Amino acid sequence: ADPTSFFAIQTDETIDALTTRLDTNTTILKDRDMFMVMDADAK
């Protein structure tokens, strides 16, 4: 998490599972906030 507003994460989760976890286990608000998860290797 060295840069601002950017993380690199290694996990056994699928991209959908990670996205869901970041959605459901946080207090971020869908009508105001945004995040993007990318796996460039798998496009």
Full PDB file with SEQRES, HELIX, SHEET, SSBOND, CRYST1, ORIGX, SCALE, CONECT and MASTER records, all heavy atoms in Angstrom:
SEQRES   1 A   43  ALA ASP PRO THR SER PHE PHE ALA ILE GLN THR ASP GLU          
SEQRES   2 A   43  THR ILE ASP ALA LEU THR THR ARG LEU ASP THR ASN THR          
SEQRES   3 A   43  THR ILE LEU LYS ASP ARG ASP MET PHE MET VAL MET ASP          
SEQRES   4 A   43  ALA ASP ALA LYS                                              
HELIX    1 AA1 ILE A   15  THR A   24  1                                  10    
CRYST1    1.000    1.000    1.000  90.00  90.00  90.00 P 1           1          
ORIGX1      1.000000  0.000000  0.000000        0.00000                         
ORIGX2      0.000000  1.000000  0.000000        0.00000                         
ORIGX3      0.000000  0.000000  1.000000        0.00000                         
SCALE1      1.000000  0.000000  0.000000        0.00000                         
SCALE2      0.000000  1.000000  0.000000        0.00000                         
SCALE3      0.000000  0.000000  1.000000        0.00000                         
ATOM      1  N   ALA A   1       0.820  -1.212   0.000  1.00  0.00           N  
ATOM      2  CA  ALA A   1       0.000   0.000   0.000  1.00  0.00           C  
ATOM      3  C   ALA A   1       0.856   1.265   0.000  1.00  0.00           C  
ATOM      4  O   ALA A   1       0.524   2.240   0.647  1.00  0.00           O  
ATOM      5  CB  ALA A   1      -0.928   0.001   1.200  1.00  0.00           C  
ATOM      6  N   ASP A   2       1.940   1.263  -0.740  1.00  0.00           N  
ATOM      7  CA  ASP A   2       2.839   2.410  -0.748  1.00  0.00           C  
ATOM      8  C   ASP A   2       2.236   3.639  -1.429  1.00  0.00           C  
ATOM      9  O   ASP A   2       2.307   4.735  -0.890  1.00  0.00           O  
ATOM     10  CB  ASP A   2       4.154   2.001  -1.400  1.00  0.00           C  
ATOM     11  CG  ASP A   2       5.324   2.855  -0.962  1.00  0.00           C  
ATOM     12  OD1 ASP A   2       5.227   3.528   0.077  1.00  0.00           O  
ATOM     13  OD2 ASP A   2       6.335   2.841  -1.664  1.00  0.00           O  
ATOM     14  N   PRO A   3       1.627   3.507  -2.624  1.00  0.00           N  
ATOM     15  CA  PRO A   3       1.040   4.694  -3.248  1.00  0.00           C  
ATOM     16  C   PRO A   3      -0.286   5.089  -2.592  1.00  0.00           C  
ATOM     17  O   PRO A   3      -0.911   4.302  -1.892  1.00  0.00           O  
ATOM     18  CB  PRO A   3       0.787   4.284  -4.703  1.00  0.00           C  
ATOM     19  CG  PRO A   3       1.346   2.923  -4.863  1.00  0.00           C  
ATOM     20  CD  PRO A   3       1.586   2.360  -3.514  1.00  0.00           C  
ATOM     21  N   THR A   4      -0.733   6.277  -2.878  1.00  0.00           N  
ATOM     22  CA  THR A   4      -2.015   6.763  -2.376  1.00  0.00           C  
ATOM     23  C   THR A   4      -3.156   6.130  -3.177  1.00  0.00           C  
ATOM     24  O   THR A   4      -3.107   6.077  -4.391  1.00  0.00           O  
ATOM     25  CB  THR A   4      -2.084   8.295  -2.529  1.00  0.00           C  
ATOM     26  OG1 THR A   4      -0.968   8.856  -1.865  1.00  0.00           O  
ATOM     27  CG2 THR A   4      -3.361   8.854  -1.953  1.00  0.00           C  
ATOM     28  N   SER A   5      -4.181   5.641  -2.490  1.00  0.00           N  
ATOM     29  CA  SER A   5      -5.402   5.118  -3.112  1.00  0.00           C  
ATOM     30  C   SER A   5      -5.158   3.932  -4.032  1.00  0.00           C  
ATOM     31  O   SER A   5      -5.859   3.743  -5.027  1.00  0.00           O  
ATOM     32  CB  SER A   5      -6.142   6.221  -3.878  1.00  0.00           C  
ATOM     33  OG  SER A   5      -6.408   7.301  -3.037  1.00  0.00           O  
ATOM     34  N   PHE A   6      -4.172   3.122  -3.720  1.00  0.00           N  
ATOM     35  CA  PHE A   6      -3.814   1.972  -4.554  1.00  0.00           C  
ATOM     36  C   PHE A   6      -3.229   0.879  -3.677  1.00  0.00           C  
ATOM     37  O   PHE A   6      -2.359   1.159  -2.843  1.00  0.00           O  
ATOM     38  CB  PHE A   6      -2.784   2.387  -5.612  1.00  0.00           C  
ATOM     39  CG  PHE A   6      -2.333   1.282  -6.508  1.00  0.00           C  
ATOM     40  CD1 PHE A   6      -2.985   1.033  -7.702  1.00  0.00           C  
ATOM     41  CD2 PHE A   6      -1.251   0.496  -6.163  1.00  0.00           C  
ATOM     42  CE1 PHE A   6      -2.563   0.012  -8.544  1.00  0.00           C  
ATOM     43  CE2 PHE A   6      -0.818  -0.529  -6.997  1.00  0.00           C  
ATOM     44  CZ  PHE A   6      -1.477  -0.764  -8.195  1.00  0.00           C  
ATOM     45  N   PHE A   7      -3.712  -0.347  -3.852  1.00  0.00           N  
ATOM     46  CA  PHE A   7      -3.157  -1.502  -3.148  1.00  0.00           C  
ATOM     47  C   PHE A   7      -2.807  -2.583  -4.158  1.00  0.00           C  
ATOM     48  O   PHE A   7      -3.461  -2.698  -5.201  1.00  0.00           O  
ATOM     49  CB  PHE A   7      -4.177  -2.144  -2.186  1.00  0.00           C  
ATOM     50  CG  PHE A   7      -4.712  -1.259  -1.112  1.00  0.00           C  
ATOM     51  CD1 PHE A   7      -6.040  -1.337  -0.747  1.00  0.00           C  
ATOM     52  CD2 PHE A   7      -3.908  -0.367  -0.442  1.00  0.00           C  
ATOM     53  CE1 PHE A   7      -6.563  -0.548   0.251  1.00  0.00           C  
ATOM     54  CE2 PHE A   7      -4.414   0.437   0.565  1.00  0.00           C  
ATOM     55  CZ  PHE A   7      -5.744   0.339   0.915  1.00  0.00           C  
ATOM     56  N   ALA A   8      -1.842  -3.394  -3.838  1.00  0.00           N  
ATOM     57  CA  ALA A   8      -1.593  -4.656  -4.520  1.00  0.00           C  
ATOM     58  C   ALA A   8      -1.865  -5.737  -3.478  1.00  0.00           C  
ATOM     59  O   ALA A   8      -1.350  -5.667  -2.355  1.00  0.00           O  
ATOM     60  CB  ALA A   8      -0.168  -4.740  -5.037  1.00  0.00           C  
ATOM     61  N   ILE A   9      -2.714  -6.701  -3.822  1.00  0.00           N  
ATOM     62  CA  ILE A   9      -3.150  -7.715  -2.870  1.00  0.00           C  
ATOM     63  C   ILE A   9      -2.924  -9.099  -3.468  1.00  0.00           C  
ATOM     64  O   ILE A   9      -3.286  -9.354  -4.624  1.00  0.00           O  
ATOM     65  CB  ILE A   9      -4.654  -7.549  -2.539  1.00  0.00           C  
ATOM     66  CG1 ILE A   9      -4.920  -6.179  -1.912  1.00  0.00           C  
ATOM     67  CG2 ILE A   9      -5.138  -8.677  -1.636  1.00  0.00           C  
ATOM     68  CD1 ILE A   9      -6.401  -5.869  -1.721  1.00  0.00           C  
ATOM     69  N   GLN A  10      -2.362  -9.998  -2.678  1.00  0.00           N  
ATOM     70  CA  GLN A  10      -2.224 -11.397  -3.084  1.00  0.00           C  
ATOM     71  C   GLN A  10      -3.162 -12.224  -2.220  1.00  0.00           C  
ATOM     72  O   GLN A  10      -3.149 -12.109  -0.987  1.00  0.00           O  
ATOM     73  CB  GLN A  10      -0.787 -11.868  -2.918  1.00  0.00           C  
ATOM     74  CG  GLN A  10      -0.546 -13.248  -3.484  1.00  0.00           C  
ATOM     75  CD  GLN A  10       0.911 -13.644  -3.377  1.00  0.00           C  
ATOM     76  OE1 GLN A  10       1.541 -13.412  -2.346  1.00  0.00           O  
ATOM     77  NE2 GLN A  10       1.441 -14.237  -4.417  1.00  0.00           N  
ATOM     78  N   THR A  11      -3.996 -13.046  -2.863  1.00  0.00           N  
ATOM     79  CA  THR A  11      -5.000 -13.810  -2.134  1.00  0.00           C  
ATOM     80  C   THR A  11      -5.395 -15.055  -2.924  1.00  0.00           C  
ATOM     81  O   THR A  11      -5.193 -15.114  -4.140  1.00  0.00           O  
ATOM     82  CB  THR A  11      -6.249 -12.944  -1.855  1.00  0.00           C  
ATOM     83  OG1 THR A  11      -7.224 -13.709  -1.158  1.00  0.00           O  
ATOM     84  CG2 THR A  11      -6.856 -12.407  -3.133  1.00  0.00           C  
ATOM     85  N   ASP A  12      -5.974 -16.009  -2.237  1.00  0.00           N  
ATOM     86  CA  ASP A  12      -6.525 -17.202  -2.882  1.00  0.00           C  
ATOM     87  C   ASP A  12      -7.930 -16.945  -3.420  1.00  0.00           C  
ATOM     88  O   ASP A  12      -8.491 -17.785  -4.109  1.00  0.00           O  
ATOM     89  CB  ASP A  12      -6.586 -18.373  -1.887  1.00  0.00           C  
ATOM     90  CG  ASP A  12      -5.206 -18.924  -1.572  1.00  0.00           C  
ATOM     91  OD1 ASP A  12      -4.343 -18.915  -2.468  1.00  0.00           O  
ATOM     92  OD2 ASP A  12      -4.994 -19.372  -0.431  1.00  0.00           O  
ATOM     93  N   GLU A  13      -8.495 -15.795  -3.103  1.00  0.00           N  
ATOM     94  CA  GLU A  13      -9.859 -15.475  -3.519  1.00  0.00           C  
ATOM     95  C   GLU A  13      -9.956 -15.217  -5.022  1.00  0.00           C  
ATOM     96  O   GLU A  13      -8.998 -14.756  -5.637  1.00  0.00           O  
ATOM     97  CB  GLU A  13     -10.352 -14.215  -2.797  1.00  0.00           C  
ATOM     98  CG  GLU A  13     -10.481 -14.361  -1.309  1.00  0.00           C  
ATOM     99  CD  GLU A  13     -10.721 -13.024  -0.650  1.00  0.00           C  
ATOM    100  OE1 GLU A  13      -9.757 -12.239  -0.554  1.00  0.00           O  
ATOM    101  OE2 GLU A  13     -11.865 -12.776  -0.240  1.00  0.00           O  
ATOM    102  N   THR A  14     -11.136 -15.457  -5.571  1.00  0.00           N  
ATOM    103  CA  THR A  14     -11.410 -15.041  -6.941  1.00  0.00           C  
ATOM    104  C   THR A  14     -11.614 -13.533  -6.947  1.00  0.00           C  
ATOM    105  O   THR A  14     -11.824 -12.914  -5.890  1.00  0.00           O  
ATOM    106  CB  THR A  14     -12.683 -15.705  -7.490  1.00  0.00           C  
ATOM    107  OG1 THR A  14     -13.815 -15.224  -6.735  1.00  0.00           O  
ATOM    108  CG2 THR A  14     -12.603 -17.224  -7.425  1.00  0.00           C  
ATOM    109  N   ILE A  15     -11.597 -12.947  -8.119  1.00  0.00           N  
ATOM    110  CA  ILE A  15     -11.824 -11.505  -8.221  1.00  0.00           C  
ATOM    111  C   ILE A  15     -13.210 -11.135  -7.699  1.00  0.00           C  
ATOM    112  O   ILE A  15     -13.381 -10.120  -7.035  1.00  0.00           O  
ATOM    113  CB  ILE A  15     -11.590 -11.001  -9.666  1.00  0.00           C  
ATOM    114  CG1 ILE A  15     -11.487  -9.479  -9.675  1.00  0.00           C  
ATOM    115  CG2 ILE A  15     -12.643 -11.531 -10.628  1.00  0.00           C  
ATOM    116  CD1 ILE A  15     -10.985  -8.902 -10.991  1.00  0.00           C  
ATOM    117  N   ASP A  16     -14.213 -11.976  -7.968  1.00  0.00           N  
ATOM    118  CA  ASP A  16     -15.559 -11.687  -7.480  1.00  0.00           C  
ATOM    119  C   ASP A  16     -15.657 -11.814  -5.968  1.00  0.00           C  
ATOM    120  O   ASP A  16     -16.321 -11.013  -5.315  1.00  0.00           O  
ATOM    121  CB  ASP A  16     -16.583 -12.585  -8.169  1.00  0.00           C  
ATOM    122  CG  ASP A  16     -16.736 -12.244  -9.642  1.00  0.00           C  
ATOM    123  OD1 ASP A  16     -16.735 -11.039  -9.980  1.00  0.00           O  
ATOM    124  OD2 ASP A  16     -16.851 -13.173 -10.457  1.00  0.00           O  
ATOM    125  N   ALA A  17     -14.974 -12.798  -5.398  1.00  0.00           N  
ATOM    126  CA  ALA A  17     -14.994 -12.961  -3.938  1.00  0.00           C  
ATOM    127  C   ALA A  17     -14.307 -11.787  -3.248  1.00  0.00           C  
ATOM    128  O   ALA A  17     -14.800 -11.275  -2.234  1.00  0.00           O  
ATOM    129  CB  ALA A  17     -14.334 -14.277  -3.540  1.00  0.00           C  
ATOM    130  N   LEU A  18     -13.182 -11.331  -3.785  1.00  0.00           N  
ATOM    131  CA  LEU A  18     -12.490 -10.178  -3.200  1.00  0.00           C  
ATOM    132  C   LEU A  18     -13.352  -8.918  -3.311  1.00  0.00           C  
ATOM    133  O   LEU A  18     -13.500  -8.174  -2.347  1.00  0.00           O  
ATOM    134  CB  LEU A  18     -11.142  -9.952  -3.889  1.00  0.00           C  
ATOM    135  CG  LEU A  18     -10.361  -8.717  -3.446  1.00  0.00           C  
ATOM    136  CD1 LEU A  18     -10.070  -8.734  -1.948  1.00  0.00           C  
ATOM    137  CD2 LEU A  18      -9.077  -8.582  -4.254  1.00  0.00           C  
ATOM    138  N   THR A  19     -13.947  -8.704  -4.469  1.00  0.00           N  
ATOM    139  CA  THR A  19     -14.820  -7.543  -4.658  1.00  0.00           C  
ATOM    140  C   THR A  19     -15.980  -7.569  -3.680  1.00  0.00           C  
ATOM    141  O   THR A  19     -16.308  -6.558  -3.047  1.00  0.00           O  
ATOM    142  CB  THR A  19     -15.330  -7.493  -6.113  1.00  0.00           C  
ATOM    143  OG1 THR A  19     -14.201  -7.432  -6.992  1.00  0.00           O  
ATOM    144  CG2 THR A  19     -16.231  -6.295  -6.348  1.00  0.00           C  
ATOM    145  N   THR A  20     -16.602  -8.721  -3.523  1.00  0.00           N  
ATOM    146  CA  THR A  20     -17.726  -8.864  -2.591  1.00  0.00           C  
ATOM    147  C   THR A  20     -17.283  -8.603  -1.156  1.00  0.00           C  
ATOM    148  O   THR A  20     -17.976  -7.924  -0.398  1.00  0.00           O  
ATOM    149  CB  THR A  20     -18.362 -10.255  -2.723  1.00  0.00           C  
ATOM    150  OG1 THR A  20     -18.867 -10.390  -4.055  1.00  0.00           O  
ATOM    151  CG2 THR A  20     -19.477 -10.458  -1.715  1.00  0.00           C  
ATOM    152  N   ARG A  21     -16.125  -9.120  -0.777  1.00  0.00           N  
ATOM    153  CA  ARG A  21     -15.625  -8.910   0.588  1.00  0.00           C  
ATOM    154  C   ARG A  21     -15.374  -7.428   0.857  1.00  0.00           C  
ATOM    155  O   ARG A  21     -15.728  -6.902   1.916  1.00  0.00           O  
ATOM    156  CB  ARG A  21     -14.352  -9.726   0.820  1.00  0.00           C  
ATOM    157  CG  ARG A  21     -13.764  -9.546   2.211  1.00  0.00           C  
ATOM    158  CD  ARG A  21     -12.706 -10.562   2.544  1.00  0.00           C  
ATOM    159  NE  ARG A  21     -11.550 -10.574   1.691  1.00  0.00           N  
ATOM    160  CZ  ARG A  21     -10.477  -9.776   1.833  1.00  0.00           C  
ATOM    161  NH1 ARG A  21     -10.443  -8.871   2.803  1.00  0.00           N  
ATOM    162  NH2 ARG A  21      -9.449  -9.893   1.022  1.00  0.00           N  
ATOM    163  N   LEU A  22     -14.760  -6.748  -0.108  1.00  0.00           N  
ATOM    164  CA  LEU A  22     -14.497  -5.321   0.077  1.00  0.00           C  
ATOM    165  C   LEU A  22     -15.789  -4.513   0.115  1.00  0.00           C  
ATOM    166  O   LEU A  22     -15.857  -3.462   0.750  1.00  0.00           O  
ATOM    167  CB  LEU A  22     -13.579  -4.806  -1.031  1.00  0.00           C  
ATOM    168  CG  LEU A  22     -12.155  -5.357  -1.015  1.00  0.00           C  
ATOM    169  CD1 LEU A  22     -11.395  -4.898  -2.244  1.00  0.00           C  
ATOM    170  CD2 LEU A  22     -11.420  -4.978   0.263  1.00  0.00           C  
ATOM    171  N   ASP A  23     -16.812  -5.007  -0.549  1.00  0.00           N  
ATOM    172  CA  ASP A  23     -18.130  -4.360  -0.531  1.00  0.00           C  
ATOM    173  C   ASP A  23     -18.835  -4.615   0.798  1.00  0.00           C  
ATOM    174  O   ASP A  23     -19.214  -3.688   1.505  1.00  0.00           O  
ATOM    175  CB  ASP A  23     -18.956  -4.884  -1.701  1.00  0.00           C  
ATOM    176  CG  ASP A  23     -20.425  -4.495  -1.653  1.00  0.00           C  
ATOM    177  OD1 ASP A  23     -20.806  -3.586  -0.891  1.00  0.00           O  
ATOM    178  OD2 ASP A  23     -21.211  -5.108  -2.387  1.00  0.00           O  
ATOM    179  N   THR A  24     -18.998  -5.861   1.156  1.00  0.00           N  
ATOM    180  CA  THR A  24     -19.867  -6.211   2.284  1.00  0.00           C  
ATOM    181  C   THR A  24     -19.228  -6.048   3.658  1.00  0.00           C  
ATOM    182  O   THR A  24     -19.947  -5.882   4.638  1.00  0.00           O  
ATOM    183  CB  THR A  24     -20.399  -7.644   2.147  1.00  0.00           C  
ATOM    184  OG1 THR A  24     -19.293  -8.555   2.086  1.00  0.00           O  
ATOM    185  CG2 THR A  24     -21.245  -7.809   0.899  1.00  0.00           C  
ATOM    186  N   ASN A  25     -17.901  -6.082   3.749  1.00  0.00           N  
ATOM    187  CA  ASN A  25     -17.249  -6.009   5.056  1.00  0.00           C  
ATOM    188  C   ASN A  25     -16.681  -4.630   5.373  1.00  0.00           C  
ATOM    189  O   ASN A  25     -15.832  -4.493   6.250  1.00  0.00           O  
ATOM    190  CB  ASN A  25     -16.138  -7.048   5.146  1.00  0.00           C  
ATOM    191  CG  ASN A  25     -16.672  -8.464   5.110  1.00  0.00           C  
ATOM    192  OD1 ASN A  25     -17.866  -8.694   5.248  1.00  0.00           O  
ATOM    193  ND2 ASN A  25     -15.804  -9.423   4.901  1.00  0.00           N  
ATOM    194  N   THR A  26     -17.132  -3.618   4.643  1.00  0.00           N  
ATOM    195  CA  THR A  26     -16.665  -2.255   4.886  1.00  0.00           C  
ATOM    196  C   THR A  26     -17.866  -1.320   4.988  1.00  0.00           C  
ATOM    197  O   THR A  26     -19.001  -1.732   4.743  1.00  0.00           O  
ATOM    198  CB  THR A  26     -15.736  -1.772   3.743  1.00  0.00           C  
ATOM    199  OG1 THR A  26     -16.493  -1.685   2.532  1.00  0.00           O  
ATOM    200  CG2 THR A  26     -14.557  -2.706   3.550  1.00  0.00           C  
ATOM    201  N   THR A  27     -17.594  -0.076   5.309  1.00  0.00           N  
ATOM    202  CA  THR A  27     -18.684   0.903   5.448  1.00  0.00           C  
ATOM    203  C   THR A  27     -18.742   1.866   4.267  1.00  0.00           C  
ATOM    204  O   THR A  27     -19.390   2.907   4.347  1.00  0.00           O  
ATOM    205  CB  THR A  27     -18.515   1.709   6.763  1.00  0.00           C  
ATOM    206  OG1 THR A  27     -17.248   2.375   6.745  1.00  0.00           O  
ATOM    207  CG2 THR A  27     -18.627   0.807   7.974  1.00  0.00           C  
ATOM    208  N   ILE A  28     -18.082   1.523   3.166  1.00  0.00           N  
ATOM    209  CA  ILE A  28     -18.103   2.411   2.013  1.00  0.00           C  
ATOM    210  C   ILE A  28     -19.507   2.491   1.423  1.00  0.00           C  
ATOM    211  O   ILE A  28     -20.323   1.591   1.612  1.00  0.00           O  
ATOM    212  CB  ILE A  28     -17.056   1.998   0.957  1.00  0.00           C  
ATOM    213  CG1 ILE A  28     -17.284   0.580   0.469  1.00  0.00           C  
ATOM    214  CG2 ILE A  28     -15.655   2.156   1.514  1.00  0.00           C  
ATOM    215  CD1 ILE A  28     -16.337   0.163  -0.635  1.00  0.00           C  
ATOM    216  N   LEU A  29     -19.773   3.578   0.714  1.00  0.00           N  
ATOM    217  CA  LEU A  29     -21.121   3.875   0.224  1.00  0.00           C  
ATOM    218  C   LEU A  29     -21.149   3.863  -1.302  1.00  0.00           C  
ATOM    219  O   LEU A  29     -20.431   4.618  -1.956  1.00  0.00           O  
ATOM    220  CB  LEU A  29     -21.566   5.244   0.735  1.00  0.00           C  
ATOM    221  CG  LEU A  29     -21.587   5.384   2.261  1.00  0.00           C  
ATOM    222  CD1 LEU A  29     -21.797   6.827   2.668  1.00  0.00           C  
ATOM    223  CD2 LEU A  29     -22.640   4.476   2.859  1.00  0.00           C  
ATOM    224  N   LYS A  30     -22.003   3.010  -1.860  1.00  0.00           N  
ATOM    225  CA  LYS A  30     -22.049   2.820  -3.314  1.00  0.00           C  
ATOM    226  C   LYS A  30     -22.492   4.069  -4.061  1.00  0.00           C  
ATOM    227  O   LYS A  30     -22.102   4.277  -5.208  1.00  0.00           O  
ATOM    228  CB  LYS A  30     -22.961   1.637  -3.652  1.00  0.00           C  
ATOM    229  CG  LYS A  30     -22.744   1.100  -5.038  1.00  0.00           C  
ATOM    230  CD  LYS A  30     -23.350  -0.272  -5.228  1.00  0.00           C  
ATOM    231  CE  LYS A  30     -22.826  -0.892  -6.496  1.00  0.00           C  
ATOM    232  NZ  LYS A  30     -23.152  -2.299  -6.609  1.00  0.00           N  
ATOM    233  N   ASP A  31     -23.267   4.926  -3.438  1.00  0.00           N  
ATOM    234  CA  ASP A  31     -23.741   6.128  -4.124  1.00  0.00           C  
ATOM    235  C   ASP A  31     -22.725   7.273  -4.090  1.00  0.00           C  
ATOM    236  O   ASP A  31     -22.951   8.315  -4.703  1.00  0.00           O  
ATOM    237  CB  ASP A  31     -25.070   6.597  -3.538  1.00  0.00           C  
ATOM    238  CG  ASP A  31     -24.963   7.069  -2.101  1.00  0.00           C  
ATOM    239  OD1 ASP A  31     -24.035   6.629  -1.371  1.00  0.00           O  
ATOM    240  OD2 ASP A  31     -25.811   7.875  -1.676  1.00  0.00           O  
ATOM    241  N   ARG A  32     -21.573   7.082  -3.395  1.00  0.00           N  
ATOM    242  CA  ARG A  32     -20.558   8.133  -3.288  1.00  0.00           C  
ATOM    243  C   ARG A  32     -19.155   7.653  -3.611  1.00  0.00           C  
ATOM    244  O   ARG A  32     -18.349   8.404  -4.137  1.00  0.00           O  
ATOM    245  CB  ARG A  32     -20.517   8.682  -1.860  1.00  0.00           C  
ATOM    246  CG  ARG A  32     -21.764   9.338  -1.426  1.00  0.00           C  
ATOM    247  CD  ARG A  32     -21.662   9.711   0.017  1.00  0.00           C  
ATOM    248  NE  ARG A  32     -23.004   9.604   0.556  1.00  0.00           N  
ATOM    249  CZ  ARG A  32     -23.328   9.961   1.751  1.00  0.00           C  
ATOM    250  NH1 ARG A  32     -22.423  10.431   2.571  1.00  0.00           N  
ATOM    251  NH2 ARG A  32     -24.568   9.844   2.153  1.00  0.00           N  
ATOM    252  N   ASP A  33     -18.833   6.430  -3.218  1.00  0.00           N  
ATOM    253  CA  ASP A  33     -17.473   5.913  -3.286  1.00  0.00           C  
ATOM    254  C   ASP A  33     -17.308   4.993  -4.499  1.00  0.00           C  
ATOM    255  O   ASP A  33     -18.279   4.588  -5.125  1.00  0.00           O  
ATOM    256  CB  ASP A  33     -17.141   5.149  -2.013  1.00  0.00           C  
ATOM    257  CG  ASP A  33     -17.340   5.987  -0.755  1.00  0.00           C  
ATOM    258  OD1 ASP A  33     -17.087   7.200  -0.808  1.00  0.00           O  
ATOM    259  OD2 ASP A  33     -17.764   5.426   0.269  1.00  0.00           O  
ATOM    260  N   MET A  34     -16.051   4.650  -4.811  1.00  0.00           N  
ATOM    261  CA  MET A  34     -15.765   3.773  -5.929  1.00  0.00           C  
ATOM    262  C   MET A  34     -14.476   3.014  -5.648  1.00  0.00           C  
ATOM    263  O   MET A  34     -13.551   3.542  -5.037  1.00  0.00           O  
ATOM    264  CB  MET A  34     -15.599   4.616  -7.201  1.00  0.00           C  
ATOM    265  CG  MET A  34     -15.279   3.845  -8.475  1.00  0.00           C  
ATOM    266  SD  MET A  34     -13.532   3.478  -8.758  1.00  0.00           S  
ATOM    267  CE  MET A  34     -12.809   5.096  -8.797  1.00  0.00           C  
ATOM    268  N   PHE A  35     -14.446   1.738  -6.067  1.00  0.00           N  
ATOM    269  CA  PHE A  35     -13.187   1.012  -6.105  1.00  0.00           C  
ATOM    270  C   PHE A  35     -13.171   0.083  -7.304  1.00  0.00           C  
ATOM    271  O   PHE A  35     -14.221  -0.321  -7.811  1.00  0.00           O  
ATOM    272  CB  PHE A  35     -12.897   0.258  -4.793  1.00  0.00           C  
ATOM    273  CG  PHE A  35     -13.736  -0.960  -4.530  1.00  0.00           C  
ATOM    274  CD1 PHE A  35     -13.344  -2.207  -4.992  1.00  0.00           C  
ATOM    275  CD2 PHE A  35     -14.905  -0.866  -3.790  1.00  0.00           C  
ATOM    276  CE1 PHE A  35     -14.109  -3.337  -4.727  1.00  0.00           C  
ATOM    277  CE2 PHE A  35     -15.668  -1.982  -3.512  1.00  0.00           C  
ATOM    278  CZ  PHE A  35     -15.270  -3.225  -3.985  1.00  0.00           C  
ATOM    279  N   MET A  36     -11.969  -0.209  -7.778  1.00  0.00           N  
ATOM    280  CA  MET A  36     -11.796  -1.119  -8.901  1.00  0.00           C  
ATOM    281  C   MET A  36     -10.758  -2.166  -8.521  1.00  0.00           C  
ATOM    282  O   MET A  36      -9.711  -1.839  -7.969  1.00  0.00           O  
ATOM    283  CB  MET A  36     -11.326  -0.366 -10.148  1.00  0.00           C  
ATOM    284  CG  MET A  36     -11.181  -1.267 -11.360  1.00  0.00           C  
ATOM    285  SD  MET A  36     -10.858  -0.365 -12.898  1.00  0.00           S  
ATOM    286  CE  MET A  36      -9.236   0.290 -12.616  1.00  0.00           C  
ATOM    287  N   VAL A  37     -11.073  -3.419  -8.815  1.00  0.00           N  
ATOM    288  CA  VAL A  37     -10.167  -4.543  -8.604  1.00  0.00           C  
ATOM    289  C   VAL A  37      -9.783  -5.067  -9.974  1.00  0.00           C  
ATOM    290  O   VAL A  37     -10.660  -5.295 -10.817  1.00  0.00           O  
ATOM    291  CB  VAL A  37     -10.845  -5.663  -7.780  1.00  0.00           C  
ATOM    292  CG1 VAL A  37      -9.899  -6.846  -7.599  1.00  0.00           C  
ATOM    293  CG2 VAL A  37     -11.343  -5.138  -6.439  1.00  0.00           C  
ATOM    294  N   MET A  38      -8.486  -5.273 -10.199  1.00  0.00           N  
ATOM    295  CA  MET A  38      -8.043  -5.721 -11.504  1.00  0.00           C  
ATOM    296  C   MET A  38      -7.031  -6.855 -11.389  1.00  0.00           C  
ATOM    297  O   MET A  38      -6.140  -6.803 -10.542  1.00  0.00           O  
ATOM    298  CB  MET A  38      -7.424  -4.561 -12.283  1.00  0.00           C  
ATOM    299  CG  MET A  38      -6.982  -4.934 -13.687  1.00  0.00           C  
ATOM    300  SD  MET A  38      -6.225  -3.558 -14.570  1.00  0.00           S  
ATOM    301  CE  MET A  38      -7.643  -2.529 -14.814  1.00  0.00           C  
ATOM    302  N   ASP A  39      -7.194  -7.855 -12.225  1.00  0.00           N  
ATOM    303  CA  ASP A  39      -6.214  -8.919 -12.411  1.00  0.00           C  
ATOM    304  C   ASP A  39      -5.741  -8.799 -13.853  1.00  0.00           C  
ATOM    305  O   ASP A  39      -6.390  -9.302 -14.772  1.00  0.00           O  
ATOM    306  CB  ASP A  39      -6.847 -10.280 -12.154  1.00  0.00           C  
ATOM    307  CG  ASP A  39      -5.880 -11.442 -12.321  1.00  0.00           C  
ATOM    308  OD1 ASP A  39      -4.786 -11.236 -12.890  1.00  0.00           O  
ATOM    309  OD2 ASP A  39      -6.219 -12.564 -11.910  1.00  0.00           O  
ATOM    310  N   ALA A  40      -4.646  -8.103 -14.058  1.00  0.00           N  
ATOM    311  CA  ALA A  40      -4.160  -7.838 -15.409  1.00  0.00           C  
ATOM    312  C   ALA A  40      -3.724  -9.116 -16.116  1.00  0.00           C  
ATOM    313  O   ALA A  40      -3.884  -9.232 -17.332  1.00  0.00           O  
ATOM    314  CB  ALA A  40      -3.013  -6.836 -15.368  1.00  0.00           C  
ATOM    315  N   ASP A  41      -3.198 -10.087 -15.382  1.00  0.00           N  
ATOM    316  CA  ASP A  41      -2.777 -11.341 -16.000  1.00  0.00           C  
ATOM    317  C   ASP A  41      -3.951 -12.074 -16.643  1.00  0.00           C  
ATOM    318  O   ASP A  41      -3.823 -12.656 -17.711  1.00  0.00           O  
ATOM    319  CB  ASP A  41      -2.113 -12.264 -14.970  1.00  0.00           C  
ATOM    320  CG  ASP A  41      -0.737 -11.769 -14.558  1.00  0.00           C  
ATOM    321  OD1 ASP A  41      -0.117 -11.016 -15.336  1.00  0.00           O  
ATOM    322  OD2 ASP A  41      -0.292 -12.134 -13.460  1.00  0.00           O  
ATOM    323  N   ALA A  42      -5.092 -12.042 -15.980  1.00  0.00           N  
ATOM    324  CA  ALA A  42      -6.281 -12.748 -16.472  1.00  0.00           C  
ATOM    325  C   ALA A  42      -7.199 -11.843 -17.297  1.00  0.00           C  
ATOM    326  O   ALA A  42      -8.251 -12.281 -17.750  1.00  0.00           O  
ATOM    327  CB  ALA A  42      -7.061 -13.332 -15.296  1.00  0.00           C  
ATOM    328  N   LYS A  43      -6.819 -10.589 -17.481  1.00  0.00           N  
ATOM    329  CA  LYS A  43      -7.678  -9.608 -18.154  1.00  0.00           C  
ATOM    330  C   LYS A  43      -9.083  -9.648 -17.563  1.00  0.00           C  
ATOM    331  O   LYS A  43     -10.074  -9.860 -18.242  1.00  0.00           O  
ATOM    332  CB  LYS A  43      -7.706  -9.839 -19.655  1.00  0.00           C  
ATOM    333  CG  LYS A  43      -6.436  -9.430 -20.343  1.00  0.00           C  
ATOM    334  CD  LYS A  43      -6.600  -9.397 -21.831  1.00  0.00           C  
ATOM    335  CE  LYS A  43      -5.344  -8.830 -22.463  1.00  0.00           C  
ATOM    336  NZ  LYS A  43      -5.480  -8.732 -23.907  1.00  0.00           N  
TER     337      LYS A  43                                                      
MASTER        0    0    0    1    0    0    0    6  336    1    0    4          
END                                                                             
